[in-house]
Amino acid sequence: MNVLGIIPARYASTRLEGKPLLDIGGKTMIQRVYEQAHKLLAHVVVATDDERIEKAVIDFGGNVVMTSSKHTTGTNRCLEAYDIYKAKSDMIFDVIVNIQGDEPLLDPEQIKSLLSCFYDKSTEMATLVMPVKNNSDLQSGGVFVVIDKFKNALYFSRAVIPFIRDIPKKDWHSKHLFYKHIGMYAFKPKALKEFASLQQTSLELAESLEQNRWLENGKKIKVEITELETYAVDTKEDLERVRNIIANKK
């Protein structure tokens, strides 16, 4: 399986300006994500519209492509990056992985688990979920997903789903196995192009979750379950937590 990992990276952020270039233990965040992905994938590229990020990636020896500043979603940026990198490398890729650029503690085993979905030849798009283990995880926010018995996603929501009727919310976790979404996606090239060409849908706009666009058009998203924790950096508090984790590892 020939795989291309794409890391969309924007400088602007409503909560943490310039976060791809923030220092974490002597390396930028984008370098840490890139290096973790590169441990498993031979081909990794950063997709950005900012010259500061482009320079930073070149400086640490990574692959980077400049994409349009007009993209409204990471998926559309991924498609442009894929087209550019494919033309430059003159290679054919079986699967494209959209890797979050704000998870410097990315575990390569997560990517490996995600790619296992494509052993099923019918898989067009796949993502990862993590089981909720306690009630506090239900209260901490994030994106939840319900899946069918064949491990296909049924729906993604920022609300805790499903709703457990006649049971106090504090006891929900003991009555049902909930799943939180981990925002890493993989596509076959044809599916990525089709996804990017679809118009935004009402459920996507309502939840501000672009994966619902694919489901609302009658498509399937294969799900793999991981037990590996993930830490997205969205705030200064998140940043300090990740810095401490990396410092303790050293």
Protein backbone atom coordinates (compact mmCIF):
# COMPACT_ATOMS: atom_id res chain seq x y z
CA MET A 1 0.00 0.00 0.00
CA ASN A 2 1.56 3.30 -1.12
CA VAL A 3 0.48 6.00 1.36
CA LEU A 4 0.86 9.78 1.41
CA GLY A 5 0.53 11.58 4.73
CA ILE A 6 -0.63 15.19 4.44
CA ILE A 7 -0.49 17.64 7.37
CA PRO A 8 -2.59 20.77 6.75
CA ALA A 9 -1.09 23.71 8.67
CA ARG A 10 -2.46 27.23 8.93
CA TYR A 11 -0.85 30.11 10.82
CA ALA A 12 -4.11 31.75 11.82
CA SER A 13 -5.94 30.33 14.81
CA THR A 14 -8.74 31.88 16.83
CA ARG A 15 -7.40 30.54 20.12
CA LEU A 16 -3.65 30.10 19.56
CA GLU A 17 -2.10 32.25 16.84
CA GLY A 18 0.76 30.68 14.90
CA LYS A 19 0.53 27.36 16.73
CA PRO A 20 2.34 25.26 14.08
CA LEU A 21 5.49 27.27 14.87
CA LEU A 22 5.22 27.22 18.66
CA ASP A 23 8.25 25.74 20.41
CA ILE A 24 7.84 22.41 22.19
CA GLY A 25 11.06 21.19 23.74
CA GLY A 26 13.30 22.78 21.13
CA LYS A 27 11.24 21.86 18.08
CA THR A 28 8.24 23.49 16.43
CA MET A 29 4.90 21.76 16.77
CA ILE A 30 4.74 21.08 13.03
CA GLN A 31 8.18 19.44 13.11
CA ARG A 32 7.11 17.12 15.92
CA VAL A 33 3.95 16.06 14.07
CA TYR A 34 5.92 15.57 10.84
CA GLU A 35 8.60 13.45 12.51
CA GLN A 36 6.04 11.25 14.27
CA ALA A 37 4.17 10.63 11.00
CA HIS A 38 7.43 9.99 9.13
CA LYS A 39 8.29 7.14 11.53
CA LEU A 40 5.61 5.08 9.76
CA LEU A 41 5.09 6.76 6.41
CA ALA A 42 7.77 7.14 3.75
CA HIS A 43 5.94 10.06 2.16
CA VAL A 44 4.80 12.99 4.32
CA VAL A 45 4.10 16.57 3.23
CA VAL A 46 2.94 19.71 5.01
CA ALA A 47 0.22 21.69 3.20
CA THR A 48 0.20 25.38 4.10
CA ASP A 49 -0.67 28.83 2.77
CA ASP A 50 1.85 30.64 4.97
CA GLU A 51 5.46 31.38 4.00
CA ARG A 52 6.61 31.28 7.64
CA ILE A 53 5.42 27.69 7.97
CA GLU A 54 6.88 26.81 4.57
CA LYS A 55 10.30 28.12 5.65
CA ALA A 56 10.15 26.29 8.99
CA VAL A 57 9.44 22.95 7.28
CA ILE A 58 12.20 23.48 4.71
CA ASP A 59 14.61 24.38 7.54
CA PHE A 60 14.10 21.02 9.28
CA GLY A 61 14.32 19.14 5.98
CA GLY A 62 10.64 18.29 5.50
CA ASN A 63 8.46 18.27 2.40
CA VAL A 64 6.05 21.18 2.04
CA VAL A 65 3.69 22.51 -0.62
CA MET A 66 2.02 25.91 -0.80
CA THR A 67 -1.74 25.75 -1.21
CA SER A 68 -4.49 28.32 -1.68
CA SER A 69 -5.49 30.56 1.22
CA LYS A 70 -9.14 30.28 0.16
CA HIS A 71 -9.78 26.72 1.39
CA THR A 72 -12.54 26.50 3.98
CA THR A 73 -11.72 22.94 5.12
CA GLY A 74 -8.63 20.85 5.70
CA THR A 75 -9.96 18.22 3.30
CA ASN A 76 -10.00 20.64 0.37
CA ARG A 77 -6.47 21.76 1.26
CA CYS A 78 -5.44 18.09 1.32
CA LEU A 79 -6.75 17.54 -2.19
CA GLU A 80 -4.75 20.44 -3.60
CA ALA A 81 -1.64 19.27 -1.72
CA TYR A 82 -2.13 15.73 -3.03
CA ASP A 83 -2.38 16.96 -6.63
CA ILE A 84 0.75 19.10 -6.25
CA TYR A 85 2.83 16.43 -4.52
CA LYS A 86 1.70 13.69 -6.92
CA ALA A 87 2.78 15.81 -9.88
CA LYS A 88 6.14 16.65 -8.27
CA SER A 89 6.93 13.09 -7.22
CA ASP A 90 5.38 11.39 -10.25
CA MET A 91 4.04 8.70 -7.91
CA ILE A 92 0.73 6.91 -7.57
CA PHE A 93 -0.72 6.67 -4.07
CA ASP A 94 -3.31 4.15 -2.90
CA VAL A 95 -4.33 6.04 0.25
CA ILE A 96 -4.03 9.61 1.52
CA VAL A 97 -3.96 10.27 5.28
CA ASN A 98 -5.10 13.67 6.56
CA ILE A 99 -3.06 14.18 9.75
CA GLN A 100 -3.91 16.84 12.32
CA GLY A 101 -1.11 19.40 12.59
CA ASP A 102 -1.79 20.22 16.24
CA GLU A 103 -1.12 16.78 17.78
CA PRO A 104 2.63 16.69 18.48
CA LEU A 105 2.26 13.49 20.53
CA LEU A 106 0.86 11.61 17.54
CA ASP A 107 1.60 7.89 17.85
CA PRO A 108 2.55 6.19 14.55
CA GLU A 109 0.52 3.17 15.69
CA GLN A 110 -2.62 5.31 15.29
CA ILE A 111 -1.82 5.76 11.61
CA LYS A 112 -1.16 2.03 11.31
CA SER A 113 -4.56 1.25 12.87
CA LEU A 114 -6.27 3.68 10.51
CA LEU A 115 -4.65 2.15 7.45
CA SER A 116 -5.84 -1.32 8.50
CA CYS A 117 -9.34 -0.21 7.44
CA PHE A 118 -8.18 -0.41 3.82
CA TYR A 119 -7.54 -4.14 4.02
CA ASP A 120 -11.25 -4.14 3.22
CA LYS A 121 -11.14 -3.22 -0.48
CA SER A 122 -14.57 -1.55 -0.30
CA THR A 123 -13.32 1.12 2.14
CA GLU A 124 -13.24 4.60 0.60
CA MET A 125 -12.83 6.73 3.72
CA ALA A 126 -11.78 5.83 7.27
CA THR A 127 -11.22 7.44 10.65
CA LEU A 128 -10.34 6.59 14.27
CA VAL A 129 -12.39 6.56 17.46
CA MET A 130 -11.51 5.99 21.10
CA PRO A 131 -13.72 4.32 23.73
CA VAL A 132 -14.93 6.53 26.57
CA LYS A 133 -13.81 4.99 29.86
CA ASN A 134 -15.37 7.21 32.50
CA ASN A 135 -18.04 9.79 33.06
CA SER A 136 -15.61 12.73 33.08
CA ASP A 137 -14.72 11.95 29.46
CA LEU A 138 -18.38 12.44 28.58
CA GLN A 139 -18.36 15.84 30.23
CA SER A 140 -15.09 17.11 28.75
CA GLY A 141 -16.43 17.97 25.31
CA GLY A 142 -15.10 16.81 21.97
CA VAL A 143 -16.81 14.99 19.09
CA PHE A 144 -18.77 11.79 19.65
CA VAL A 145 -19.67 9.15 17.09
CA VAL A 146 -22.09 6.24 16.93
CA ILE A 147 -21.16 3.23 14.82
CA ASP A 148 -22.91 0.18 13.44
CA LYS A 149 -21.95 -3.43 14.16
CA PHE A 150 -19.75 -3.49 11.04
CA LYS A 151 -17.70 -0.52 12.34
CA ASN A 152 -19.16 2.04 9.97
CA ALA A 153 -19.91 5.49 11.35
CA LEU A 154 -23.59 6.39 11.62
CA TYR A 155 -23.28 9.99 12.81
CA PHE A 156 -20.84 12.47 14.35
CA SER A 157 -21.92 15.09 16.88
CA ARG A 158 -20.57 17.64 19.34
CA ALA A 159 -23.31 16.43 21.66
CA VAL A 160 -22.92 13.21 23.66
CA ILE A 161 -24.59 10.51 21.56
CA PRO A 162 -26.54 8.34 21.96
CA PHE A 163 -28.93 9.79 24.52
CA ILE A 164 -29.62 7.22 27.27
CA ARG A 165 -33.27 7.45 28.17
CA ASP A 166 -34.44 7.23 31.81
CA ILE A 167 -30.87 7.04 33.14
CA PRO A 168 -29.13 9.91 35.01
CA LYS A 169 -26.39 11.37 32.84
CA LYS A 170 -23.77 10.65 35.50
CA ASP A 171 -24.42 6.93 34.97
CA TRP A 172 -24.46 6.88 31.18
CA HIS A 173 -20.91 5.57 30.77
CA SER A 174 -21.82 2.41 32.71
CA LYS A 175 -24.86 1.67 30.49
CA HIS A 176 -23.38 2.11 27.02
CA LEU A 177 -20.00 2.12 25.27
CA PHE A 178 -19.48 5.65 23.96
CA TYR A 179 -16.86 6.63 21.39
CA LYS A 180 -14.97 9.88 20.94
CA HIS A 181 -13.72 10.82 17.51
CA ILE A 182 -10.01 11.24 16.80
CA GLY A 183 -9.72 13.67 13.92
CA MET A 184 -7.49 11.73 11.56
CA TYR A 185 -8.89 10.63 8.21
CA ALA A 186 -7.73 8.44 5.36
CA PHE A 187 -9.12 8.40 1.83
CA LYS A 188 -8.63 6.63 -1.42
CA PRO A 189 -7.70 9.35 -3.95
CA LYS A 190 -11.00 9.03 -5.83
CA ALA A 191 -12.97 9.45 -2.59
CA LEU A 192 -10.95 12.50 -1.56
CA LYS A 193 -11.71 14.17 -4.87
CA GLU A 194 -15.39 13.30 -4.61
CA PHE A 195 -15.57 14.52 -1.02
CA ALA A 196 -14.00 17.87 -1.89
CA SER A 197 -16.40 18.35 -4.80
CA LEU A 198 -19.55 17.83 -2.72
CA GLN A 199 -21.55 20.83 -1.58
CA GLN A 200 -21.73 21.47 2.15
CA THR A 201 -24.76 19.84 3.75
CA SER A 202 -27.16 20.86 6.50
CA LEU A 203 -25.82 18.38 9.09
CA GLU A 204 -22.25 19.43 8.35
CA LEU A 205 -23.14 23.08 8.86
CA ALA A 206 -25.24 22.40 11.95
CA GLU A 207 -22.44 20.54 13.76
CA SER A 208 -19.53 22.23 11.97
CA LEU A 209 -18.22 18.72 11.22
CA GLU A 210 -17.30 18.14 7.59
CA GLN A 211 -17.34 14.33 7.86
CA ASN A 212 -21.14 14.52 8.13
CA ARG A 213 -21.16 15.76 4.53
CA TRP A 214 -19.94 12.34 3.38
CA LEU A 215 -22.53 10.49 5.48
CA GLU A 216 -25.36 12.78 4.42
CA ASN A 217 -24.59 11.91 0.80
CA GLY A 218 -25.13 8.23 1.56
CA LYS A 219 -21.44 7.29 1.80
CA LYS A 220 -19.71 5.12 4.40
CA ILE A 221 -16.88 5.95 6.79
CA LYS A 222 -15.07 2.90 8.11
CA VAL A 223 -14.04 3.21 11.76
CA GLU A 224 -11.11 1.65 13.60
CA ILE A 225 -10.94 1.71 17.39
CA THR A 226 -7.75 2.78 19.17
CA GLU A 227 -6.88 2.82 22.86
CA LEU A 228 -4.06 5.32 22.32
CA GLU A 229 -4.65 8.73 23.85
CA THR A 230 -4.35 11.84 21.70
CA TYR A 231 -3.63 15.40 22.78
CA ALA A 232 -4.70 18.26 20.52
CA VAL A 233 -3.19 21.68 21.23
CA ASP A 234 -5.92 24.31 21.04
CA THR A 235 -5.14 26.54 24.03
CA LYS A 236 -2.16 27.76 26.07
CA GLU A 237 -3.10 25.23 28.73
CA ASP A 238 -2.96 22.42 26.15
CA LEU A 239 0.43 23.67 25.02
CA GLU A 240 1.88 23.65 28.52
CA ARG A 241 0.51 20.16 29.17
CA VAL A 242 2.21 18.80 26.03
CA ARG A 243 5.45 20.62 26.85
CA ASN A 244 5.44 19.00 30.29
CA ILE A 245 4.75 15.54 28.89
CA ILE A 246 7.65 15.82 26.43
CA ALA A 247 9.97 17.26 29.09
CA ASN A 248 9.16 14.36 31.43
CA LYS A 249 9.82 11.83 28.65
CA LYS A 250 13.29 13.32 28.19
